[in-house]
C-alpha atoms as a PDB file:
ATOM      1  CA  MET A   1       0.155   0.189  -0.060  1.00  0.00           C
ATOM      2  CA  ARG A   2       2.559   2.584   0.580  1.00  0.00           C
ATOM      3  CA  SER A   3       4.274   1.875  -2.877  1.00  0.00           C
ATOM      4  CA  GLY A   4       0.920   2.454  -4.482  1.00  0.00           C
ATOM      5  CA  VAL A   5       0.599   6.146  -2.046  1.00  0.00           C
ATOM      6  CA  ARG A   6       4.494   7.005  -3.065  1.00  0.00           C
ATOM      7  CA  LYS A   7       3.450   7.018  -6.691  1.00  0.00           C
ATOM      8  CA  SER A   8       0.097   8.867  -6.459  1.00  0.00           C
ATOM      9  CA  VAL A   9       2.410  11.707  -4.937  1.00  0.00           C
ATOM     10  CA  LEU A  10       4.686  11.696  -7.138  1.00  0.00           C
ATOM     11  CA  ALA A  11       2.537  11.637  -9.972  1.00  0.00           C
ATOM     12  CA  ALA A  12       0.672  14.391  -8.206  1.00  0.00           C
ATOM     13  CA  ALA A  13       3.620  16.744  -8.104  1.00  0.00           C
ATOM     14  CA  ILE A  14       5.111  15.368 -11.173  1.00  0.00           C
ATOM     15  CA  ALA A  15       1.645  16.948 -12.830  1.00  0.00           C
ATOM     16  CA  ALA A  16       1.443  20.050 -10.575  1.00  0.00           C
ATOM     17  CA  VAL A  17       4.446  20.965 -11.259  1.00  0.00           C
ATOM     18  CA  SER A  18       3.907  20.699 -15.307  1.00  0.00           C
ATOM     19  CA  LEU A  19       0.962  22.472 -14.688  1.00  0.00           C
ATOM     20  CA  GLY A  20       2.416  25.504 -12.847  1.00  0.00           C
ATOM     21  CA  ALA A  21       0.196  24.952  -9.945  1.00  0.00           C
ATOM     22  CA  PHE A  22       2.559  26.204  -7.297  1.00  0.00           C
ATOM     23  CA  GLY A  23       2.578  29.301  -8.944  1.00  0.00           C
ATOM     24  CA  GLY A  24       6.017  29.703 -10.329  1.00  0.00           C
ATOM     25  CA  THR A  25       6.556  30.961 -13.737  1.00  0.00           C
ATOM     26  CA  ALA A  26       8.972  29.162 -16.101  1.00  0.00           C
ATOM     27  CA  VAL A  27      12.949  30.103 -15.454  1.00  0.00           C
ATOM     28  CA  ALA A  28      14.964  30.641 -18.848  1.00  0.00           C
ATOM     29  CA  GLU A  29      18.250  29.404 -19.462  1.00  0.00           C
ATOM     30  CA  PRO A  30      21.134  31.533 -19.057  1.00  0.00           C
ATOM     31  CA  ALA A  31      21.735  33.795 -21.535  1.00  0.00           C
ATOM     32  CA  ALA A  32      24.553  32.254 -24.020  1.00  0.00           C
ATOM     33  CA  LYS A  33      28.147  33.825 -23.796  1.00  0.00           C
ATOM     34  CA  ALA A  34      29.246  35.839 -26.509  1.00  0.00           C
ATOM     35  CA  SER A  35      31.430  33.934 -28.747  1.00  0.00           C
ATOM     36  CA  TRP A  36      34.682  35.312 -29.789  1.00  0.00           C
ATOM     37  CA  HIS A  37      36.335  34.961 -33.409  1.00  0.00           C
ATOM     38  CA  SER A  38      39.705  35.131 -34.578  1.00  0.00           C
ATOM     39  CA  THR A  39      42.314  36.103 -36.176  1.00  0.00           C
ATOM     40  CA  TYR A  40      46.303  36.160 -36.801  1.00  0.00           C
ATOM     41  CA  ALA A  41      48.817  37.223 -39.743  1.00  0.00           C
ATOM     42  CA  SER A  42      52.272  37.281 -40.178  1.00  0.00           C
ATOM     43  CA  TRP A  43      54.480  39.537 -43.142  1.00  0.00           C
ATOM     44  CA  GLU A  44      57.788  40.194 -43.758  1.00  0.00           C
ATOM     45  CA  ASP A  45      58.056  44.016 -43.029  1.00  0.00           C
ATOM     46  CA  PRO A  46      59.329  45.694 -46.504  1.00  0.00           C
ATOM     47  CA  ASN A  47      60.771  48.324 -44.710  1.00  0.00           C
ATOM     48  CA  ASP A  48      63.108  45.952 -41.872  1.00  0.00           C
ATOM     49  CA  LYS A  49      65.099  43.478 -43.403  1.00  0.00           C
ATOM     50  CA  GLY A  50      64.359  39.826 -42.289  1.00  0.00           C
ATOM     51  CA  GLY A  51      61.378  41.405 -39.938  1.00  0.00           C
ATOM     52  CA  VAL A  52      58.772  40.762 -39.564  1.00  0.00           C
ATOM     53  CA  SER A  53      55.780  41.633 -38.153  1.00  0.00           C
ATOM     54  CA  ILE A  54      52.352  40.736 -36.396  1.00  0.00           C
ATOM     55  CA  TYR A  55      48.873  40.935 -35.478  1.00  0.00           C
ATOM     56  CA  GLU A  56      46.215  39.207 -33.064  1.00  0.00           C
ATOM     57  CA  HIS A  57      42.239  40.060 -33.722  1.00  0.00           C
ATOM     58  CA  ALA A  58      39.475  39.038 -31.751  1.00  0.00           C
ATOM     59  CA  ARG A  59      36.188  39.865 -33.091  1.00  0.00           C
ATOM     60  CA  LYS A  60      33.033  39.775 -30.715  1.00  0.00           C
ATOM     61  CA  ASN A  61      30.283  37.746 -32.760  1.00  0.00           C
ATOM     62  CA  GLY A  62      27.698  39.571 -33.472  1.00  0.00           C
ATOM     63  CA  THR A  63      28.848  43.118 -32.449  1.00  0.00           C
ATOM     64  CA  ASP A  64      31.623  45.808 -33.004  1.00  0.00           C
ATOM     65  CA  GLU A  65      33.320  45.146 -30.742  1.00  0.00           C
ATOM     66  CA  TYR A  66      37.207  44.277 -31.166  1.00  0.00           C
ATOM     67  CA  ILE A  67      40.320  44.041 -29.370  1.00  0.00           C
ATOM     68  CA  MET A  68      43.897  43.624 -31.320  1.00  0.00           C
ATOM     69  CA  GLY A  69      47.084  44.255 -30.951  1.00  0.00           C
ATOM     70  CA  GLN A  70      50.211  44.210 -33.454  1.00  0.00           C
ATOM     71  CA  PHE A  71      53.662  44.291 -33.183  1.00  0.00           C
ATOM     72  CA  LEU A  72      55.549  46.258 -36.350  1.00  0.00           C
ATOM     73  CA  ALA A  73      59.520  44.888 -37.390  1.00  0.00           C
ATOM     74  CA  TYR A  74      60.498  48.468 -38.389  1.00  0.00           C
ATOM     75  CA  GLY A  75      61.349  50.585 -35.453  1.00  0.00           C
ATOM     76  CA  GLU A  76      59.653  47.744 -33.504  1.00  0.00           C
ATOM     77  CA  LYS A  77      55.882  49.196 -32.803  1.00  0.00           C
ATOM     78  CA  LEU A  78      53.455  47.681 -30.728  1.00  0.00           C
ATOM     79  CA  SER A  79      49.489  49.017 -31.092  1.00  0.00           C
ATOM     80  CA  ILE A  80      46.712  47.726 -28.916  1.00  0.00           C
ATOM     81  CA  TRP A  81      43.664  48.534 -29.825  1.00  0.00           C
ATOM     82  CA  ASP A  82      40.611  48.191 -27.233  1.00  0.00           C
ATOM     83  CA  TYR A  83      37.519  48.395 -28.883  1.00  0.00           C
ATOM     84  CA  HIS A  84      35.555  46.344 -26.007  1.00  0.00           C
ATOM     85  CA  ASP A  85      33.403  47.830 -23.892  1.00  0.00           C
ATOM     86  CA  ASN A  86      34.114  46.095 -20.727  1.00  0.00           C
ATOM     87  CA  ASP A  87      35.413  48.509 -18.476  1.00  0.00           C
ATOM     88  CA  ARG A  88      39.208  47.344 -18.328  1.00  0.00           C
ATOM     89  CA  SER A  89      42.028  48.234 -20.739  1.00  0.00           C
ATOM     90  CA  ALA A  90      42.687  45.487 -22.416  1.00  0.00           C
ATOM     91  CA  ILE A  91      46.166  44.187 -22.433  1.00  0.00           C
ATOM     92  CA  VAL A  92      48.738  42.338 -25.046  1.00  0.00           C
ATOM     93  CA  LYS A  93      51.280  39.860 -24.221  1.00  0.00           C
ATOM     94  CA  VAL A  94      54.699  39.933 -25.820  1.00  0.00           C
ATOM     95  CA  TRP A  95      57.450  37.345 -25.854  1.00  0.00           C
ATOM     96  CA  VAL A  96      60.662  38.171 -26.991  1.00  0.00           C
ATOM     97  CA  GLY A  97      63.318  35.975 -27.832  1.00  0.00           C
ATOM     98  CA  GLY A  98      62.590  33.671 -24.939  1.00  0.00           C
ATOM     99  CA  GLY A  99      61.373  34.369 -21.138  1.00  0.00           C
ATOM    100  CA  ASP A 100      57.833  35.472 -19.726  1.00  0.00           C
ATOM    101  CA  PRO A 101      55.820  37.896 -21.684  1.00  0.00           C
ATOM    102  CA  ALA A 102      56.128  41.353 -20.761  1.00  0.00           C
ATOM    103  CA  VAL A 103      52.802  42.938 -20.255  1.00  0.00           C
ATOM    104  CA  TYR A 104      51.176  46.360 -21.801  1.00  0.00           C
ATOM    105  CA  TYR A 105      48.133  47.752 -21.183  1.00  0.00           C
ATOM    106  CA  GLY A 106      45.896  49.668 -23.638  1.00  0.00           C
ATOM    107  CA  ASN A 107      44.208  53.253 -22.721  1.00  0.00           C
ATOM    108  CA  GLY A 108      41.001  51.932 -22.536  1.00  0.00           C
ATOM    109  CA  ASP A 109      37.812  51.303 -24.330  1.00  0.00           C
ATOM    110  CA  GLY A 110      37.519  52.799 -27.392  1.00  0.00           C
ATOM    111  CA  THR A 111      40.920  53.407 -27.982  1.00  0.00           C
ATOM    112  CA  ARG A 112      44.426  52.497 -29.458  1.00  0.00           C
ATOM    113  CA  ARG A 113      47.739  52.905 -27.508  1.00  0.00           C
ATOM    114  CA  ASN A 114      51.002  52.759 -29.651  1.00  0.00           C
ATOM    115  CA  ILE A 115      54.409  51.672 -27.790  1.00  0.00           C
ATOM    116  CA  ASP A 116      57.810  52.412 -29.753  1.00  0.00           C
ATOM    117  CA  LEU A 117      60.176  49.009 -28.323  1.00  0.00           C
ATOM    118  CA  SER A 118      63.548  48.110 -28.363  1.00  0.00           C
ATOM    119  CA  HIS A 119      64.900  44.750 -29.191  1.00  0.00           C
ATOM    120  CA  ASP A 120      68.098  43.201 -30.796  1.00  0.00           C
ATOM    121  CA  GLU A 121      67.542  42.429 -34.972  1.00  0.00           C
ATOM    122  CA  GLY A 122      66.558  38.808 -35.587  1.00  0.00           C
ATOM    123  CA  GLN A 123      64.570  38.360 -32.435  1.00  0.00           C
ATOM    124  CA  ARG A 124      61.489  35.601 -33.004  1.00  0.00           C
ATOM    125  CA  VAL A 125      58.562  37.646 -31.605  1.00  0.00           C
ATOM    126  CA  MET A 126      55.129  36.157 -30.802  1.00  0.00           C
ATOM    127  CA  LEU A 127      51.888  38.003 -28.968  1.00  0.00           C
ATOM    128  CA  GLN A 128      48.848  37.760 -27.350  1.00  0.00           C
ATOM    129  CA  ALA A 129      45.839  40.380 -27.270  1.00  0.00           C
ATOM    130  CA  CYS A 130      43.616  40.138 -24.485  1.00  0.00           C
ATOM    131  CA  THR A 131      39.742  41.663 -23.218  1.00  0.00           C
ATOM    132  CA  SER A 132      41.611  42.447 -20.077  1.00  0.00           C
ATOM    133  CA  ASP A 133      43.953  40.762 -17.395  1.00  0.00           C
ATOM    134  CA  SER A 134      40.992  39.434 -15.769  1.00  0.00           C
ATOM    135  CA  PRO A 135      40.807  35.781 -15.243  1.00  0.00           C
ATOM    136  CA  ASN A 136      38.330  35.889 -17.102  1.00  0.00           C
ATOM    137  CA  ALA A 137      39.390  37.136 -20.250  1.00  0.00           C
ATOM    138  CA  LYS A 138      39.248  36.498 -23.657  1.00  0.00           C
ATOM    139  CA  CYS A 139      42.303  36.112 -24.948  1.00  0.00           C
ATOM    140  CA  THR A 140      43.835  35.476 -29.031  1.00  0.00           C
ATOM    141  CA  PRO A 141      45.350  32.449 -29.793  1.00  0.00           C
ATOM    142  CA  LYS A 142      49.091  33.504 -29.923  1.00  0.00           C
ATOM    143  CA  LYS A 143      49.984  32.089 -33.086  1.00  0.00           C
ATOM    144  CA  ALA A 144      51.760  34.713 -35.206  1.00  0.00           C
ATOM    145  CA  LYS A 145      55.030  34.340 -35.072  1.00  0.00           C
ATOM    146  CA  GLY A 146      57.271  37.904 -35.845  1.00  0.00           C
ATOM    147  CA  VAL A 147      60.936  38.367 -35.885  1.00  0.00           C
ATOM    148  CA  SER A 148      62.562  42.074 -34.504  1.00  0.00           C
END
């Protein structure tokens, strides 16, 4: 007898929930987090014999928001584009030769910052652009390979 009562109570509870008898409203699925699309490129710099310039770019899908880091071999110029509206500065990490990256901060939402660097010629250069220095930041894949 007990198992019949439990089955009836369980069936009534399922029916009540499916009919909204508890007065609750349907809870929507959480909104999907925005996805990002990354691109990168490298090219022989015509003004710097042996130099290879690079960029890494990430665009938030469905928006005009993006971040980008670019290293120009000629003059060793770094640019940080921060067109992601998140109230935080975009960052670009730059690896030259071996070792740990140097981290450069943009000037904040809606800006572009240009930085003069100085490195020995012929070193490998890699960079990564990120929406911020937060642990949840979106970053480019660090695939472009340049030469100072």
